[in-house]
Amino acid sequence: MSSLLADAVAAVMPSVRADLERLVRIPSVSADPAAAPRLTESAELVAELLRGVGMDEVEILTVDGGRPAVLARRAGPAGAPTVLLY
């Protein structure tokens, strides 16, 4: 790894770790009906984090009886591959 890349990664690691700690503190087990309100809280935090890193579009999708899902888009250069994270 180049020194510039290593330095850049080292510089952001404290904030990345803090964000991850915030996320894992939310008891958001989707199979637990009692956790439903926390799932929404978790989705809202994920959406906030995605907006914070400059995603072009961020929305929380919900359907009756379903769990919230966060959808984010960022336009890439023409001809670039599509990346999907689930």
C-alpha atoms as a PDB file:
ATOM      1  CA  MET A   1       0.000   0.000   0.000  1.00  0.00           C
ATOM      2  CA  SER A   2       1.360   3.412  -0.859  1.00  0.00           C
ATOM      3  CA  SER A   3       2.270   5.777   1.935  1.00  0.00           C
ATOM      4  CA  LEU A   4      -0.336   8.301   0.755  1.00  0.00           C
ATOM      5  CA  LEU A   5      -3.076   5.677   0.787  1.00  0.00           C
ATOM      6  CA  ALA A   6      -1.999   4.322   4.171  1.00  0.00           C
ATOM      7  CA  ASP A   7      -1.962   7.842   5.607  1.00  0.00           C
ATOM      8  CA  ALA A   8      -5.424   8.585   4.175  1.00  0.00           C
ATOM      9  CA  VAL A   9      -6.857   5.373   5.630  1.00  0.00           C
ATOM     10  CA  ALA A  10      -5.243   6.036   9.012  1.00  0.00           C
ATOM     11  CA  ALA A  11      -6.685   9.555   9.039  1.00  0.00           C
ATOM     12  CA  VAL A  12     -10.294   8.413   8.590  1.00  0.00           C
ATOM     13  CA  MET A  13     -10.198   5.294  10.776  1.00  0.00           C
ATOM     14  CA  PRO A  14     -11.212   7.032  14.026  1.00  0.00           C
ATOM     15  CA  SER A  15     -14.386   8.432  12.444  1.00  0.00           C
ATOM     16  CA  VAL A  16     -15.137   5.162  10.635  1.00  0.00           C
ATOM     17  CA  ARG A  17     -14.798   3.283  13.912  1.00  0.00           C
ATOM     18  CA  ALA A  18     -17.015   5.805  15.719  1.00  0.00           C
ATOM     19  CA  ASP A  19     -19.700   5.419  13.036  1.00  0.00           C
ATOM     20  CA  LEU A  20     -19.515   1.631  13.274  1.00  0.00           C
ATOM     21  CA  GLU A  21     -19.781   1.798  17.068  1.00  0.00           C
ATOM     22  CA  ARG A  22     -22.915   3.953  16.757  1.00  0.00           C
ATOM     23  CA  LEU A  23     -24.450   1.428  14.367  1.00  0.00           C
ATOM     24  CA  VAL A  24     -23.721  -1.699  16.403  1.00  0.00           C
ATOM     25  CA  ARG A  25     -25.117  -0.098  19.562  1.00  0.00           C
ATOM     26  CA  ILE A  26     -28.575  -0.111  17.978  1.00  0.00           C
ATOM     27  CA  PRO A  27     -30.242  -3.482  18.706  1.00  0.00           C
ATOM     28  CA  SER A  28     -31.724  -3.881  15.243  1.00  0.00           C
ATOM     29  CA  VAL A  29     -32.378  -7.602  14.851  1.00  0.00           C
ATOM     30  CA  SER A  30     -34.823  -7.757  11.955  1.00  0.00           C
ATOM     31  CA  ALA A  31     -36.254 -11.129  13.032  1.00  0.00           C
ATOM     32  CA  ASP A  32     -37.315  -9.673  16.407  1.00  0.00           C
ATOM     33  CA  PRO A  33     -40.721  -7.934  16.164  1.00  0.00           C
ATOM     34  CA  ALA A  34     -39.905  -5.948  19.300  1.00  0.00           C
ATOM     35  CA  ALA A  35     -36.921  -4.406  17.500  1.00  0.00           C
ATOM     36  CA  ALA A  36     -39.037  -2.768  14.782  1.00  0.00           C
ATOM     37  CA  PRO A  37     -38.622   0.796  16.128  1.00  0.00           C
ATOM     38  CA  ARG A  38     -34.874   0.266  16.380  1.00  0.00           C
ATOM     39  CA  LEU A  39     -34.757  -0.901  12.745  1.00  0.00           C
ATOM     40  CA  THR A  40     -36.087   2.489  11.735  1.00  0.00           C
ATOM     41  CA  GLU A  41     -33.494   4.176  13.948  1.00  0.00           C
ATOM     42  CA  SER A  42     -30.762   2.094  12.332  1.00  0.00           C
ATOM     43  CA  ALA A  43     -31.998   2.906   8.821  1.00  0.00           C
ATOM     44  CA  GLU A  44     -32.090   6.614   9.652  1.00  0.00           C
ATOM     45  CA  LEU A  45     -28.492   6.504  10.897  1.00  0.00           C
ATOM     46  CA  VAL A  46     -27.320   4.637   7.788  1.00  0.00           C
ATOM     47  CA  ALA A  47     -29.082   7.232   5.611  1.00  0.00           C
ATOM     48  CA  GLU A  48     -27.433  10.054   7.581  1.00  0.00           C
ATOM     49  CA  LEU A  49     -23.999   8.479   7.164  1.00  0.00           C
ATOM     50  CA  LEU A  50     -24.526   7.996   3.424  1.00  0.00           C
ATOM     51  CA  ARG A  51     -25.578  11.617   3.011  1.00  0.00           C
ATOM     52  CA  GLY A  52     -22.492  12.612   4.971  1.00  0.00           C
ATOM     53  CA  VAL A  53     -20.187  10.915   2.476  1.00  0.00           C
ATOM     54  CA  GLY A  54     -21.827  12.660  -0.456  1.00  0.00           C
ATOM     55  CA  MET A  55     -24.248  10.145  -1.942  1.00  0.00           C
ATOM     56  CA  ASP A  56     -26.365  11.849  -4.624  1.00  0.00           C
ATOM     57  CA  GLU A  57     -29.673  10.322  -3.547  1.00  0.00           C
ATOM     58  CA  VAL A  58     -30.560   8.681  -0.234  1.00  0.00           C
ATOM     59  CA  GLU A  59     -33.984   7.431   0.764  1.00  0.00           C
ATOM     60  CA  ILE A  60     -35.510   5.037   3.246  1.00  0.00           C
ATOM     61  CA  LEU A  61     -37.969   2.695   1.586  1.00  0.00           C
ATOM     62  CA  THR A  62     -40.779   1.054   3.529  1.00  0.00           C
ATOM     63  CA  VAL A  63     -43.668  -1.192   2.610  1.00  0.00           C
ATOM     64  CA  ASP A  64     -46.544  -2.286   4.822  1.00  0.00           C
ATOM     65  CA  GLY A  65     -45.408  -5.146   7.017  1.00  0.00           C
ATOM     66  CA  GLY A  66     -41.825  -4.898   5.792  1.00  0.00           C
ATOM     67  CA  ARG A  67     -38.590  -3.652   7.230  1.00  0.00           C
ATOM     68  CA  PRO A  68     -37.026  -0.333   6.219  1.00  0.00           C
ATOM     69  CA  ALA A  69     -34.401  -0.433   3.496  1.00  0.00           C
ATOM     70  CA  VAL A  70     -31.939   2.328   2.683  1.00  0.00           C
ATOM     71  CA  LEU A  71     -31.399   3.063  -0.987  1.00  0.00           C
ATOM     72  CA  ALA A  72     -28.531   5.323  -2.018  1.00  0.00           C
ATOM     73  CA  ARG A  73     -27.259   6.262  -5.442  1.00  0.00           C
ATOM     74  CA  ARG A  74     -24.176   8.013  -6.675  1.00  0.00           C
ATOM     75  CA  ALA A  75     -23.679   8.610 -10.364  1.00  0.00           C
ATOM     76  CA  GLY A  76     -20.407   7.326 -11.749  1.00  0.00           C
ATOM     77  CA  PRO A  77     -18.661   8.128 -14.983  1.00  0.00           C
ATOM     78  CA  ALA A  78     -20.375   7.035 -18.188  1.00  0.00           C
ATOM     79  CA  GLY A  79     -19.672   3.379 -18.867  1.00  0.00           C
ATOM     80  CA  ALA A  80     -18.572   2.614 -15.306  1.00  0.00           C
ATOM     81  CA  PRO A  81     -19.831  -0.652 -13.799  1.00  0.00           C
ATOM     82  CA  THR A  82     -22.741  -0.732 -11.375  1.00  0.00           C
ATOM     83  CA  VAL A  83     -22.003  -1.746  -7.793  1.00  0.00           C
ATOM     84  CA  LEU A  84     -24.744  -3.121  -5.544  1.00  0.00           C
ATOM     85  CA  LEU A  85     -24.273  -3.664  -1.812  1.00  0.00           C
ATOM     86  CA  TYR A  86     -26.868  -5.624   0.107  1.00  0.00           C
END
